[in-house]
Amino acid sequence: MSECHVVRENMPQLLAESLDAAARERAHQHIESCAACFGEWQGMREAWDLLEQLPVVEPPPSLRERVMAAAGPRRQAPGVVPFPRRRAVR
């Protein structure tokens, strides 16, 4: 796997600041030395900045019930431990 591929796969985590320090440093060093990855990084950062400018829209309270009803009953395989969802940290 090429270094560019690894760096591009990690760019979303790099934007969200969820990479460990060593991986973050390697990614930034590669981005600074690779024109193709630098262009990709600039585009992702611009998109990230634009997304932060969007207003937060609260969905109507009935939306969750409608979606869950359309999804059908929740079935859990035996021996599977449910994974609680948490908000992403930015």
PDB file of N, CA and C in Angstrom:
ATOM      1  N   MET A   1       0.849  -1.179   0.000  1.00  0.00           N
ATOM      2  CA  MET A   1       0.000   0.000   0.000  1.00  0.00           C
ATOM      3  C   MET A   1       0.896   1.243   0.000  1.00  0.00           C
ATOM      4  N   SER A   2       0.630   2.168  -0.871  1.00  0.00           N
ATOM      5  CA  SER A   2       1.475   3.353  -0.953  1.00  0.00           C
ATOM      6  C   SER A   2       1.179   4.316   0.193  1.00  0.00           C
ATOM      7  N   GLU A   3       2.168   5.142   0.467  1.00  0.00           N
ATOM      8  CA  GLU A   3       2.014   6.127   1.545  1.00  0.00           C
ATOM      9  C   GLU A   3       0.872   7.094   1.239  1.00  0.00           C
ATOM     10  N   CYS A   4       0.717   7.474  -0.025  1.00  0.00           N
ATOM     11  CA  CYS A   4      -0.372   8.386  -0.394  1.00  0.00           C
ATOM     12  C   CYS A   4      -1.726   7.772  -0.036  1.00  0.00           C
ATOM     13  N   HIS A   5      -1.883   6.489  -0.335  1.00  0.00           N
ATOM     14  CA  HIS A   5      -3.148   5.816  -0.042  1.00  0.00           C
ATOM     15  C   HIS A   5      -3.426   5.842   1.459  1.00  0.00           C
ATOM     16  N   VAL A   6      -2.426   5.553   2.265  1.00  0.00           N
ATOM     17  CA  VAL A   6      -2.595   5.544   3.725  1.00  0.00           C
ATOM     18  C   VAL A   6      -2.955   6.941   4.223  1.00  0.00           C
ATOM     19  N   VAL A   7      -2.247   7.938   3.739  1.00  0.00           N
ATOM     20  CA  VAL A   7      -2.505   9.319   4.182  1.00  0.00           C
ATOM     21  C   VAL A   7      -3.911   9.750   3.778  1.00  0.00           C
ATOM     22  N   ARG A   8      -4.323   9.435   2.563  1.00  0.00           N
ATOM     23  CA  ARG A   8      -5.667   9.835   2.111  1.00  0.00           C
ATOM     24  C   ARG A   8      -6.761   9.110   2.889  1.00  0.00           C
ATOM     25  N   GLU A   9      -6.516   7.857   3.249  1.00  0.00           N
ATOM     26  CA  GLU A   9      -7.478   7.122   4.077  1.00  0.00           C
ATOM     27  C   GLU A   9      -7.604   7.750   5.461  1.00  0.00           C
ATOM     28  N   ASN A  10      -6.517   8.334   5.961  1.00  0.00           N
ATOM     29  CA  ASN A  10      -6.507   8.911   7.311  1.00  0.00           C
ATOM     30  C   ASN A  10      -6.914  10.382   7.358  1.00  0.00           C
ATOM     31  N   MET A  11      -7.121  11.007   6.209  1.00  0.00           N
ATOM     32  CA  MET A  11      -7.442  12.436   6.206  1.00  0.00           C
ATOM     33  C   MET A  11      -8.701  12.792   7.001  1.00  0.00           C
ATOM     34  N   PRO A  12      -9.784  12.022   6.929  1.00  0.00           N
ATOM     35  CA  PRO A  12     -10.940  12.383   7.763  1.00  0.00           C
ATOM     36  C   PRO A  12     -10.618  12.361   9.258  1.00  0.00           C
ATOM     37  N   GLN A  13      -9.840  11.366   9.708  1.00  0.00           N
ATOM     38  CA  GLN A  13      -9.450  11.315  11.111  1.00  0.00           C
ATOM     39  C   GLN A  13      -8.495  12.454  11.452  1.00  0.00           C
ATOM     40  N   LEU A  14      -7.662  12.831  10.495  1.00  0.00           N
ATOM     41  CA  LEU A  14      -6.751  13.950  10.694  1.00  0.00           C
ATOM     42  C   LEU A  14      -7.545  15.246  10.868  1.00  0.00           C
ATOM     43  N   LEU A  15      -8.578  15.427  10.070  1.00  0.00           N
ATOM     44  CA  LEU A  15      -9.433  16.610  10.196  1.00  0.00           C
ATOM     45  C   LEU A  15     -10.158  16.637  11.543  1.00  0.00           C
ATOM     46  N   ALA A  16     -10.607  15.482  11.982  1.00  0.00           N
ATOM     47  CA  ALA A  16     -11.348  15.388  13.244  1.00  0.00           C
ATOM     48  C   ALA A  16     -10.419  15.322  14.449  1.00  0.00           C
ATOM     49  N   GLU A  17      -9.115  15.375  14.195  1.00  0.00           N
ATOM     50  CA  GLU A  17      -8.101  15.326  15.250  1.00  0.00           C
ATOM     51  C   GLU A  17      -8.237  14.073  16.102  1.00  0.00           C
ATOM     52  N   SER A  18      -8.475  12.941  15.438  1.00  0.00           N
ATOM     53  CA  SER A  18      -8.626  11.687  16.171  1.00  0.00           C
ATOM     54  C   SER A  18      -7.482  10.706  15.907  1.00  0.00           C
ATOM     55  N   LEU A  19      -6.436  11.153  15.221  1.00  0.00           N
ATOM     56  CA  LEU A  19      -5.256  10.305  15.032  1.00  0.00           C
ATOM     57  C   LEU A  19      -4.305  10.495  16.203  1.00  0.00           C
ATOM     58  N   ASP A  20      -3.539   9.445  16.513  1.00  0.00           N
ATOM     59  CA  ASP A  20      -2.540   9.604  17.571  1.00  0.00           C
ATOM     60  C   ASP A  20      -1.437  10.535  17.062  1.00  0.00           C
ATOM     61  N   ALA A  21      -0.621  11.032  17.972  1.00  0.00           N
ATOM     62  CA  ALA A  21       0.375  12.050  17.645  1.00  0.00           C
ATOM     63  C   ALA A  21       1.357  11.592  16.571  1.00  0.00           C
ATOM     64  N   ALA A  22       1.823  10.349  16.648  1.00  0.00           N
ATOM     65  CA  ALA A  22       2.803   9.857  15.674  1.00  0.00           C
ATOM     66  C   ALA A  22       2.190   9.775  14.276  1.00  0.00           C
ATOM     67  N   ALA A  23       0.972   9.254  14.162  1.00  0.00           N
ATOM     68  CA  ALA A  23       0.312   9.145  12.861  1.00  0.00           C
ATOM     69  C   ALA A  23      -0.002  10.532  12.305  1.00  0.00           C
ATOM     70  N   ARG A  24      -0.393  11.440  13.184  1.00  0.00           N
ATOM     71  CA  ARG A  24      -0.688  12.808  12.757  1.00  0.00           C
ATOM     72  C   ARG A  24       0.576  13.475  12.195  1.00  0.00           C
ATOM     73  N   GLU A  25       1.692  13.291  12.877  1.00  0.00           N
ATOM     74  CA  GLU A  25       2.951  13.884  12.423  1.00  0.00           C
ATOM     75  C   GLU A  25       3.390  13.296  11.079  1.00  0.00           C
ATOM     76  N   ARG A  26       3.292  11.973  10.932  1.00  0.00           N
ATOM     77  CA  ARG A  26       3.650  11.329   9.657  1.00  0.00           C
ATOM     78  C   ARG A  26       2.767  11.843   8.522  1.00  0.00           C
ATOM     79  N   ALA A  27       1.474  11.973   8.799  1.00  0.00           N
ATOM     80  CA  ALA A  27       0.545  12.444   7.765  1.00  0.00           C
ATOM     81  C   ALA A  27       0.879  13.872   7.350  1.00  0.00           C
ATOM     82  N   HIS A  28       1.129  14.743   8.315  1.00  0.00           N
ATOM     83  CA  HIS A  28       1.448  16.136   7.980  1.00  0.00           C
ATOM     84  C   HIS A  28       2.769  16.234   7.221  1.00  0.00           C
ATOM     85  N   GLN A  29       3.743  15.437   7.593  1.00  0.00           N
ATOM     86  CA  GLN A  29       5.021  15.451   6.870  1.00  0.00           C
ATOM     87  C   GLN A  29       4.818  15.004   5.424  1.00  0.00           C
ATOM     88  N   HIS A  30       4.018  13.966   5.231  1.00  0.00           N
ATOM     89  CA  HIS A  30       3.775  13.487   3.869  1.00  0.00           C
ATOM     90  C   HIS A  30       3.014  14.540   3.064  1.00  0.00           C
ATOM     91  N   ILE A  31       1.999  15.125   3.659  1.00  0.00           N
ATOM     92  CA  ILE A  31       1.190  16.134   2.957  1.00  0.00           C
ATOM     93  C   ILE A  31       2.058  17.312   2.519  1.00  0.00           C
ATOM     94  N   GLU A  32       3.010  17.699   3.360  1.00  0.00           N
ATOM     95  CA  GLU A  32       3.889  18.818   3.015  1.00  0.00           C
ATOM     96  C   GLU A  32       4.847  18.478   1.875  1.00  0.00           C
ATOM     97  N   SER A  33       5.137  17.193   1.680  1.00  0.00           N
ATOM     98  CA  SER A  33       6.116  16.809   0.666  1.00  0.00           C
ATOM     99  C   SER A  33       5.485  16.255  -0.610  1.00  0.00           C
ATOM    100  N   CYS A  34       4.159  16.052  -0.643  1.00  0.00           N
ATOM    101  CA  CYS A  34       3.492  15.431  -1.793  1.00  0.00           C
ATOM    102  C   CYS A  34       2.441  16.397  -2.343  1.00  0.00           C
ATOM    103  N   ALA A  35       2.656  16.865  -3.561  1.00  0.00           N
ATOM    104  CA  ALA A  35       1.740  17.853  -4.151  1.00  0.00           C
ATOM    105  C   ALA A  35       0.327  17.296  -4.311  1.00  0.00           C
ATOM    106  N   ALA A  36       0.211  16.024  -4.706  1.00  0.00           N
ATOM    107  CA  ALA A  36      -1.116  15.433  -4.911  1.00  0.00           C
ATOM    108  C   ALA A  36      -1.882  15.357  -3.592  1.00  0.00           C
ATOM    109  N   CYS A  37      -1.222  14.896  -2.548  1.00  0.00           N
ATOM    110  CA  CYS A  37      -1.887  14.794  -1.241  1.00  0.00           C
ATOM    111  C   CYS A  37      -2.155  16.171  -0.657  1.00  0.00           C
ATOM    112  N   PHE A  38      -1.266  17.135  -0.931  1.00  0.00           N
ATOM    113  CA  PHE A  38      -1.483  18.493  -0.448  1.00  0.00           C
ATOM    114  C   PHE A  38      -2.756  19.070  -1.064  1.00  0.00           C
ATOM    115  N   GLY A  39      -2.950  18.852  -2.361  1.00  0.00           N
ATOM    116  CA  GLY A  39      -4.167  19.334  -3.029  1.00  0.00           C
ATOM    117  C   GLY A  39      -5.413  18.683  -2.462  1.00  0.00           C
ATOM    118  N   GLU A  40      -5.333  17.377  -2.215  1.00  0.00           N
ATOM    119  CA  GLU A  40      -6.464  16.653  -1.620  1.00  0.00           C
ATOM    120  C   GLU A  40      -6.760  17.198  -0.220  1.00  0.00           C
ATOM    121  N   TRP A  41      -5.701  17.437   0.558  1.00  0.00           N
ATOM    122  CA  TRP A  41      -5.837  17.951   1.924  1.00  0.00           C
ATOM    123  C   TRP A  41      -6.480  19.334   1.914  1.00  0.00           C
ATOM    124  N   GLN A  42      -6.031  20.203   1.006  1.00  0.00           N
ATOM    125  CA  GLN A  42      -6.612  21.545   0.922  1.00  0.00           C
ATOM    126  C   GLN A  42      -8.102  21.468   0.603  1.00  0.00           C
ATOM    127  N   GLY A  43      -8.474  20.595  -0.330  1.00  0.00           N
ATOM    128  CA  GLY A  43      -9.889  20.442  -0.677  1.00  0.00           C
ATOM    129  C   GLY A  43     -10.714  19.934   0.494  1.00  0.00           C
ATOM    130  N   MET A  44     -10.168  18.970   1.222  1.00  0.00           N
ATOM    131  CA  MET A  44     -10.898  18.450   2.388  1.00  0.00           C
ATOM    132  C   MET A  44     -11.042  19.508   3.477  1.00  0.00           C
ATOM    133  N   ARG A  45      -9.990  20.278   3.696  1.00  0.00           N
ATOM    134  CA  ARG A  45     -10.067  21.330   4.720  1.00  0.00           C
ATOM    135  C   ARG A  45     -11.098  22.394   4.334  1.00  0.00           C
ATOM    136  N   GLU A  46     -11.139  22.754   3.057  1.00  0.00           N
ATOM    137  CA  GLU A  46     -12.127  23.735   2.606  1.00  0.00           C
ATOM    138  C   GLU A  46     -13.540  23.198   2.797  1.00  0.00           C
ATOM    139  N   ALA A  47     -13.759  21.951   2.435  1.00  0.00           N
ATOM    140  CA  ALA A  47     -15.084  21.340   2.615  1.00  0.00           C
ATOM    141  C   ALA A  47     -15.442  21.276   4.089  1.00  0.00           C
ATOM    142  N   TRP A  48     -14.479  20.901   4.938  1.00  0.00           N
ATOM    143  CA  TRP A  48     -14.694  20.824   6.389  1.00  0.00           C
ATOM    144  C   TRP A  48     -15.099  22.195   6.929  1.00  0.00           C
ATOM    145  N   ASP A  49     -14.390  23.230   6.495  1.00  0.00           N
ATOM    146  CA  ASP A  49     -14.705  24.587   6.951  1.00  0.00           C
ATOM    147  C   ASP A  49     -16.097  25.017   6.499  1.00  0.00           C
ATOM    148  N   LEU A  50     -16.476  24.667   5.270  1.00  0.00           N
ATOM    149  CA  LEU A  50     -17.813  25.005   4.783  1.00  0.00           C
ATOM    150  C   LEU A  50     -18.887  24.266   5.581  1.00  0.00           C
ATOM    151  N   LEU A  51     -18.641  23.004   5.911  1.00  0.00           N
ATOM    152  CA  LEU A  51     -19.619  22.240   6.693  1.00  0.00           C
ATOM    153  C   LEU A  51     -19.828  22.848   8.070  1.00  0.00           C
ATOM    154  N   GLU A  52     -18.767  23.384   8.656  1.00  0.00           N
ATOM    155  CA  GLU A  52     -18.906  24.008   9.972  1.00  0.00           C
ATOM    156  C   GLU A  52     -19.756  25.272   9.932  1.00  0.00           C
ATOM    157  N   GLN A  53     -19.886  25.882   8.765  1.00  0.00           N
ATOM    158  CA  GLN A  53     -20.673  27.107   8.634  1.00  0.00           C
ATOM    159  C   GLN A  53     -22.162  26.838   8.464  1.00  0.00           C
ATOM    160  N   LEU A  54     -22.524  25.592   8.180  1.00  0.00           N
ATOM    161  CA  LEU A  54     -23.930  25.265   7.991  1.00  0.00           C
ATOM    162  C   LEU A  54     -24.682  25.359   9.312  1.00  0.00           C
ATOM    163  N   PRO A  55     -25.930  25.825   9.279  1.00  0.00           N
ATOM    164  CA  PRO A  55     -26.702  25.886  10.513  1.00  0.00           C
ATOM    165  C   PRO A  55     -27.105  24.480  10.973  1.00  0.00           C
ATOM    166  N   VAL A  56     -27.248  24.335  12.273  1.00  0.00           N
ATOM    167  CA  VAL A  56     -27.726  23.075  12.834  1.00  0.00           C
ATOM    168  C   VAL A  56     -29.240  23.064  12.702  1.00  0.00           C
ATOM    169  N   VAL A  57     -29.763  22.023  12.090  1.00  0.00           N
ATOM    170  CA  VAL A  57     -31.205  21.916  11.876  1.00  0.00           C
ATOM    171  C   VAL A  57     -31.723  20.763  12.720  1.00  0.00           C
ATOM    172  N   GLU A  58     -32.682  21.041  13.557  1.00  0.00           N
ATOM    173  CA  GLU A  58     -33.299  20.002  14.380  1.00  0.00           C
ATOM    174  C   GLU A  58     -34.411  19.327  13.584  1.00  0.00           C
ATOM    175  N   PRO A  59     -34.354  18.018  13.444  1.00  0.00           N
ATOM    176  CA  PRO A  59     -35.432  17.331  12.728  1.00  0.00           C
ATOM    177  C   PRO A  59     -36.694  17.312  13.572  1.00  0.00           C
ATOM    178  N   PRO A  60     -37.845  17.160  12.938  1.00  0.00           N
ATOM    179  CA  PRO A  60     -39.086  17.102  13.715  1.00  0.00           C
ATOM    180  C   PRO A  60     -39.057  15.880  14.640  1.00  0.00           C
ATOM    181  N   PRO A  61     -39.667  15.978  15.815  1.00  0.00           N
ATOM    182  CA  PRO A  61     -39.638  14.873  16.780  1.00  0.00           C
ATOM    183  C   PRO A  61     -40.198  13.563  16.221  1.00  0.00           C
ATOM    184  N   SER A  62     -41.124  13.649  15.301  1.00  0.00           N
ATOM    185  CA  SER A  62     -41.731  12.427  14.778  1.00  0.00           C
ATOM    186  C   SER A  62     -40.830  11.689  13.786  1.00  0.00           C
ATOM    187  N   LEU A  63     -39.762  12.321  13.340  1.00  0.00           N
ATOM    188  CA  LEU A  63     -38.902  11.704  12.331  1.00  0.00           C
ATOM    189  C   LEU A  63     -38.277  10.406  12.836  1.00  0.00           C
ATOM    190  N   ARG A  64     -37.755  10.405  14.048  1.00  0.00           N
ATOM    191  CA  ARG A  64     -37.124   9.193  14.579  1.00  0.00           C
ATOM    192  C   ARG A  64     -38.107   8.035  14.610  1.00  0.00           C
ATOM    193  N   GLU A  65     -39.319   8.286  15.072  1.00  0.00           N
ATOM    194  CA  GLU A  65     -40.320   7.229  15.138  1.00  0.00           C
ATOM    195  C   GLU A  65     -40.655   6.697  13.742  1.00  0.00           C
ATOM    196  N   ARG A  66     -40.788   7.597  12.767  1.00  0.00           N
ATOM    197  CA  ARG A  66     -41.094   7.162  11.405  1.00  0.00           C
ATOM    198  C   ARG A  66     -39.960   6.335  10.807  1.00  0.00           C
ATOM    199  N   VAL A  67     -38.739   6.767  11.031  1.00  0.00           N
ATOM    200  CA  VAL A  67     -37.594   6.034  10.494  1.00  0.00           C
ATOM    201  C   VAL A  67     -37.482   4.667  11.156  1.00  0.00           C
ATOM    202  N   MET A  68     -37.622   4.622  12.465  1.00  0.00           N
ATOM    203  CA  MET A  68     -37.507   3.358  13.183  1.00  0.00           C
ATOM    204  C   MET A  68     -38.638   2.404  12.796  1.00  0.00           C
ATOM    205  N   ALA A  69     -39.831   2.945  12.589  1.00  0.00           N
ATOM    206  CA  ALA A  69     -40.947   2.098  12.181  1.00  0.00           C
ATOM    207  C   ALA A  69     -40.710   1.539  10.774  1.00  0.00           C
ATOM    208  N   ALA A  70     -40.140   2.354   9.888  1.00  0.00           N
ATOM    209  CA  ALA A  70     -39.860   1.894   8.525  1.00  0.00           C
ATOM    210  C   ALA A  70     -38.733   0.865   8.508  1.00  0.00           C
ATOM    211  N   ALA A  71     -37.826   0.962   9.453  1.00  0.00           N
ATOM    212  CA  ALA A  71     -36.698   0.024   9.510  1.00  0.00           C
ATOM    213  C   ALA A  71     -37.135  -1.346  10.012  1.00  0.00           C
ATOM    214  N   GLY A  72     -38.240  -1.407  10.704  1.00  0.00           N
ATOM    215  CA  GLY A  72     -38.723  -2.690  11.210  1.00  0.00           C
ATOM    216  C   GLY A  72     -38.191  -2.986  12.604  1.00  0.00           C
ATOM    217  N   PRO A  73     -38.600  -4.115  13.134  1.00  0.00           N
ATOM    218  CA  PRO A  73     -38.183  -4.451  14.502  1.00  0.00           C
ATOM    219  C   PRO A  73     -36.681  -4.706  14.559  1.00  0.00           C
ATOM    220  N   ARG A  74     -36.123  -4.358  15.684  1.00  0.00           N
ATOM    221  CA  ARG A  74     -34.687  -4.529  15.881  1.00  0.00           C
ATOM    222  C   ARG A  74     -34.405  -5.966  16.308  1.00  0.00           C
ATOM    223  N   ARG A  75     -33.583  -6.639  15.514  1.00  0.00           N
ATOM    224  CA  ARG A  75     -33.208  -8.008  15.848  1.00  0.00           C
ATOM    225  C   ARG A  75     -31.745  -8.023  16.240  1.00  0.00           C
ATOM    226  N   GLN A  76     -31.457  -8.716  17.326  1.00  0.00           N
ATOM    227  CA  GLN A  76     -30.083  -8.801  17.779  1.00  0.00           C
ATOM    228  C   GLN A  76     -29.659 -10.258  17.782  1.00  0.00           C
ATOM    229  N   ALA A  77     -28.539 -10.519  17.131  1.00  0.00           N
ATOM    230  CA  ALA A  77     -28.031 -11.885  17.080  1.00  0.00           C
ATOM    231  C   ALA A  77     -27.598 -12.320  18.477  1.00  0.00           C
ATOM    232  N   PRO A  78     -27.758 -13.602  18.792  1.00  0.00           N
ATOM    233  CA  PRO A  78     -27.338 -14.058  20.107  1.00  0.00           C
ATOM    234  C   PRO A  78     -25.829 -13.879  20.293  1.00  0.00           C
ATOM    235  N   GLY A  79     -25.456 -13.460  21.485  1.00  0.00           N
ATOM    236  CA  GLY A  79     -24.044 -13.280  21.808  1.00  0.00           C
ATOM    237  C   GLY A  79     -23.454 -11.964  21.343  1.00  0.00           C
ATOM    238  N   VAL A  80     -24.268 -11.063  20.759  1.00  0.00           N
ATOM    239  CA  VAL A  80     -23.766  -9.780  20.299  1.00  0.00           C
ATOM    240  C   VAL A  80     -24.033  -8.735  21.372  1.00  0.00           C
ATOM    241  N   VAL A  81     -22.991  -8.036  21.757  1.00  0.00           N
ATOM    242  CA  VAL A  81     -23.120  -6.983  22.758  1.00  0.00           C
ATOM    243  C   VAL A  81     -23.412  -5.681  22.030  1.00  0.00           C
ATOM    244  N   PRO A  82     -24.490  -4.986  22.398  1.00  0.00           N
ATOM    245  CA  PRO A  82     -24.811  -3.729  21.699  1.00  0.00           C
ATOM    246  C   PRO A  82     -23.719  -2.682  21.944  1.00  0.00           C
ATOM    247  N   PHE A  83     -23.425  -1.913  20.929  1.00  0.00           N
ATOM    248  CA  PHE A  83     -22.419  -0.868  21.000  1.00  0.00           C
ATOM    249  C   PHE A  83     -23.123   0.470  21.112  1.00  0.00           C
ATOM    250  N   PRO A  84     -22.992   1.161  22.250  1.00  0.00           N
ATOM    251  CA  PRO A  84     -23.676   2.455  22.397  1.00  0.00           C
ATOM    252  C   PRO A  84     -23.016   3.517  21.512  1.00  0.00           C
ATOM    253  N   ARG A  85     -23.827   4.277  20.828  1.00  0.00           N
ATOM    254  CA  ARG A  85     -23.300   5.343  19.975  1.00  0.00           C
ATOM    255  C   ARG A  85     -22.988   6.566  20.800  1.00  0.00           C
ATOM    256  N   ARG A  86     -21.877   7.239  20.434  1.00  0.00           N
ATOM    257  CA  ARG A  86     -21.493   8.497  21.069  1.00  0.00           C
ATOM    258  C   ARG A  86     -21.283   9.534  19.982  1.00  0.00           C
ATOM    259  N   ARG A  87     -21.435  10.767  20.364  1.00  0.00           N
ATOM    260  CA  ARG A  87     -21.185  11.862  19.407  1.00  0.00           C
ATOM    261  C   ARG A  87     -19.706  11.918  19.080  1.00  0.00           C
ATOM    262  N   ALA A  88     -19.403  12.248  17.837  1.00  0.00           N
ATOM    263  CA  ALA A  88     -18.008  12.413  17.428  1.00  0.00           C
ATOM    264  C   ALA A  88     -17.452  13.672  18.069  1.00  0.00           C
ATOM    265  N   VAL A  89     -16.224  13.621  18.467  1.00  0.00           N
ATOM    266  CA  VAL A  89     -15.568  14.758  19.087  1.00  0.00           C
ATOM    267  C   VAL A  89     -14.797  15.510  18.010  1.00  0.00           C
ATOM    268  N   ARG A  90     -14.943  16.800  17.999  1.00  0.00           N
ATOM    269  CA  ARG A  90     -14.218  17.608  17.019  1.00  0.00           C
ATOM    270  C   ARG A  90     -13.223  18.460  17.718  1.00  0.00           C
TER     271      ARG A  90
END
